[in-house]
Amino acid sequence: MKMVMDSLSMHPGTFYRYFEDKDDLYCLLIRNVTQKRAAYFNNSNEDSLFQFFLTGLFGNVMAL
């Protein structure tokens, strides 16, 4: 945690004002990523899901 806070120029007191420990931060990050992915998939149709997977495999296929 010291390396992370040093790279962010963050005082430990600032970190611990918002998080109990590094596990608390980790859980928040995982929850945010999971929610964003769920929202993406819930708002997508079959064609855009196909496009999403192609983009992950081959980069931007729309430019082809």
N, C-alpha and C. Protein backbone atom coordinates (compact mmCIF):
# COMPACT_ATOMS: atom_id res chain seq x y z
N MET A 1 0.83 -1.19 0.00
CA MET A 1 0.00 0.00 0.00
C MET A 1 0.87 1.25 0.00
N LYS A 2 2.01 1.17 0.63
CA LYS A 2 2.88 2.33 0.67
C LYS A 2 3.29 2.75 -0.74
N MET A 3 3.61 1.77 -1.61
CA MET A 3 4.01 2.09 -2.98
C MET A 3 2.86 2.75 -3.74
N VAL A 4 1.66 2.26 -3.54
CA VAL A 4 0.48 2.84 -4.21
C VAL A 4 0.27 4.27 -3.75
N MET A 5 0.28 4.47 -2.45
CA MET A 5 0.06 5.82 -1.92
C MET A 5 1.18 6.77 -2.33
N ASP A 6 2.41 6.28 -2.35
CA ASP A 6 3.52 7.13 -2.80
C ASP A 6 3.36 7.52 -4.26
N SER A 7 2.96 6.57 -5.11
CA SER A 7 2.81 6.89 -6.53
C SER A 7 1.65 7.86 -6.77
N LEU A 8 0.68 7.86 -5.89
CA LEU A 8 -0.45 8.79 -5.99
C LEU A 8 -0.22 10.07 -5.21
N SER A 9 0.92 10.14 -4.51
CA SER A 9 1.21 11.27 -3.61
C SER A 9 0.08 11.46 -2.61
N MET A 10 -0.36 10.34 -2.06
CA MET A 10 -1.49 10.34 -1.13
C MET A 10 -0.98 10.03 0.29
N HIS A 11 -1.46 10.79 1.23
CA HIS A 11 -1.14 10.55 2.63
C HIS A 11 -1.96 9.36 3.12
N PRO A 12 -1.37 8.48 3.93
CA PRO A 12 -2.13 7.32 4.43
C PRO A 12 -3.44 7.69 5.11
N GLY A 13 -3.47 8.81 5.79
CA GLY A 13 -4.70 9.24 6.46
C GLY A 13 -5.84 9.47 5.48
N THR A 14 -5.50 9.98 4.31
CA THR A 14 -6.51 10.20 3.27
C THR A 14 -7.09 8.87 2.81
N PHE A 15 -6.22 7.89 2.57
CA PHE A 15 -6.68 6.57 2.15
C PHE A 15 -7.61 5.97 3.20
N TYR A 16 -7.18 5.98 4.45
CA TYR A 16 -7.95 5.33 5.51
C TYR A 16 -9.20 6.12 5.91
N ARG A 17 -9.35 7.32 5.41
CA ARG A 17 -10.61 8.05 5.61
C ARG A 17 -11.72 7.39 4.79
N TYR A 18 -11.35 6.83 3.62
CA TYR A 18 -12.34 6.26 2.71
C TYR A 18 -12.39 4.73 2.73
N PHE A 19 -11.30 4.09 3.13
CA PHE A 19 -11.23 2.63 3.10
C PHE A 19 -10.68 2.11 4.42
N GLU A 20 -11.21 0.95 4.85
CA GLU A 20 -10.70 0.33 6.07
C GLU A 20 -9.30 -0.24 5.87
N ASP A 21 -9.12 -0.90 4.72
CA ASP A 21 -7.84 -1.53 4.40
C ASP A 21 -7.79 -1.81 2.91
N LYS A 22 -6.72 -2.48 2.45
CA LYS A 22 -6.59 -2.72 1.01
C LYS A 22 -7.65 -3.69 0.51
N ASP A 23 -8.14 -4.59 1.36
CA ASP A 23 -9.21 -5.49 0.94
C ASP A 23 -10.49 -4.72 0.65
N ASP A 24 -10.75 -3.70 1.43
CA ASP A 24 -11.92 -2.84 1.21
C ASP A 24 -11.82 -2.14 -0.14
N LEU A 25 -10.65 -1.63 -0.47
CA LEU A 25 -10.42 -1.00 -1.78
C LEU A 25 -10.60 -2.02 -2.89
N TYR A 26 -10.04 -3.20 -2.75
CA TYR A 26 -10.13 -4.25 -3.75
C TYR A 26 -11.59 -4.63 -4.01
N CYS A 27 -12.36 -4.81 -2.95
CA CYS A 27 -13.78 -5.16 -3.11
C CYS A 27 -14.55 -4.07 -3.85
N LEU A 28 -14.25 -2.81 -3.55
CA LEU A 28 -14.90 -1.71 -4.24
C LEU A 28 -14.56 -1.73 -5.73
N LEU A 29 -13.30 -1.95 -6.07
CA LEU A 29 -12.90 -2.00 -7.47
C LEU A 29 -13.58 -3.14 -8.20
N ILE A 30 -13.61 -4.32 -7.61
CA ILE A 30 -14.26 -5.48 -8.24
C ILE A 30 -15.75 -5.23 -8.41
N ARG A 31 -16.38 -4.65 -7.42
CA ARG A 31 -17.81 -4.36 -7.50
C ARG A 31 -18.10 -3.36 -8.63
N ASN A 32 -17.27 -2.33 -8.76
CA ASN A 32 -17.47 -1.35 -9.84
C ASN A 32 -17.29 -1.98 -11.21
N VAL A 33 -16.26 -2.78 -11.38
CA VAL A 33 -16.02 -3.43 -12.67
C VAL A 33 -17.18 -4.38 -13.01
N THR A 34 -17.63 -5.14 -12.02
CA THR A 34 -18.73 -6.08 -12.23
C THR A 34 -20.00 -5.35 -12.62
N GLN A 35 -20.30 -4.25 -11.96
CA GLN A 35 -21.50 -3.48 -12.27
C GLN A 35 -21.44 -2.89 -13.68
N LYS A 36 -20.27 -2.39 -14.08
CA LYS A 36 -20.13 -1.82 -15.42
C LYS A 36 -20.27 -2.89 -16.49
N ARG A 37 -19.70 -4.04 -16.26
CA ARG A 37 -19.83 -5.13 -17.24
C ARG A 37 -21.27 -5.62 -17.32
N ALA A 38 -21.94 -5.73 -16.19
CA ALA A 38 -23.34 -6.17 -16.18
C ALA A 38 -24.20 -5.16 -16.92
N ALA A 39 -23.96 -3.88 -16.69
CA ALA A 39 -24.74 -2.85 -17.39
C ALA A 39 -24.50 -2.91 -18.88
N TYR A 40 -23.27 -3.15 -19.28
CA TYR A 40 -22.96 -3.26 -20.71
C TYR A 40 -23.72 -4.42 -21.34
N PHE A 41 -23.66 -5.58 -20.70
CA PHE A 41 -24.31 -6.75 -21.27
C PHE A 41 -25.83 -6.66 -21.20
N ASN A 42 -26.37 -6.01 -20.19
CA ASN A 42 -27.82 -5.84 -20.09
C ASN A 42 -28.35 -4.88 -21.15
N ASN A 43 -27.54 -3.95 -21.59
CA ASN A 43 -27.96 -2.96 -22.59
C ASN A 43 -27.55 -3.32 -24.00
N SER A 44 -27.03 -4.52 -24.18
CA SER A 44 -26.53 -4.93 -25.50
C SER A 44 -27.48 -5.90 -26.16
N ASN A 45 -27.46 -5.88 -27.48
CA ASN A 45 -28.19 -6.90 -28.21
C ASN A 45 -27.18 -7.91 -28.75
N GLU A 46 -27.66 -8.92 -29.44
CA GLU A 46 -26.78 -9.98 -29.92
C GLU A 46 -25.68 -9.47 -30.84
N ASP A 47 -26.01 -8.57 -31.75
CA ASP A 47 -25.02 -8.05 -32.69
C ASP A 47 -23.91 -7.30 -31.99
N SER A 48 -24.25 -6.47 -31.00
CA SER A 48 -23.21 -5.71 -30.32
C SER A 48 -22.36 -6.61 -29.43
N LEU A 49 -22.93 -7.69 -28.90
CA LEU A 49 -22.13 -8.65 -28.14
C LEU A 49 -21.12 -9.33 -29.05
N PHE A 50 -21.55 -9.68 -30.24
CA PHE A 50 -20.65 -10.27 -31.21
C PHE A 50 -19.53 -9.29 -31.53
N GLN A 51 -19.88 -8.03 -31.74
CA GLN A 51 -18.88 -6.99 -32.01
C GLN A 51 -17.92 -6.84 -30.84
N PHE A 52 -18.44 -6.90 -29.62
CA PHE A 52 -17.61 -6.79 -28.42
C PHE A 52 -16.55 -7.89 -28.38
N PHE A 53 -16.97 -9.13 -28.65
CA PHE A 53 -16.02 -10.24 -28.61
C PHE A 53 -15.01 -10.16 -29.75
N LEU A 54 -15.46 -9.75 -30.92
CA LEU A 54 -14.53 -9.59 -32.04
C LEU A 54 -13.49 -8.51 -31.75
N THR A 55 -13.94 -7.42 -31.15
CA THR A 55 -13.02 -6.34 -30.80
C THR A 55 -11.99 -6.83 -29.79
N GLY A 56 -12.43 -7.63 -28.82
CA GLY A 56 -11.49 -8.18 -27.84
C GLY A 56 -10.47 -9.11 -28.47
N LEU A 57 -10.88 -9.83 -29.50
CA LEU A 57 -9.97 -10.78 -30.15
C LEU A 57 -9.07 -10.13 -31.18
N PHE A 58 -9.64 -9.22 -31.98
CA PHE A 58 -8.92 -8.71 -33.14
C PHE A 58 -8.71 -7.21 -33.15
N GLY A 59 -9.08 -6.52 -32.12
CA GLY A 59 -8.97 -5.07 -32.13
C GLY A 59 -10.22 -4.47 -32.77
N ASN A 60 -10.11 -3.27 -33.24
CA ASN A 60 -11.26 -2.58 -33.82
C ASN A 60 -11.57 -3.13 -35.20
N VAL A 61 -12.58 -4.01 -35.28
CA VAL A 61 -12.93 -4.63 -36.56
C VAL A 61 -13.75 -3.68 -37.43
N MET A 62 -14.26 -2.60 -36.87
CA MET A 62 -15.02 -1.64 -37.68
C MET A 62 -14.10 -0.93 -38.66
N ALA A 63 -12.80 -0.85 -38.34
CA ALA A 63 -11.85 -0.16 -39.22
C ALA A 63 -11.45 -1.02 -40.41
N LEU A 64 -11.81 -2.32 -40.39
CA LEU A 64 -11.42 -3.22 -41.48
C LEU A 64 -12.20 -2.96 -42.74
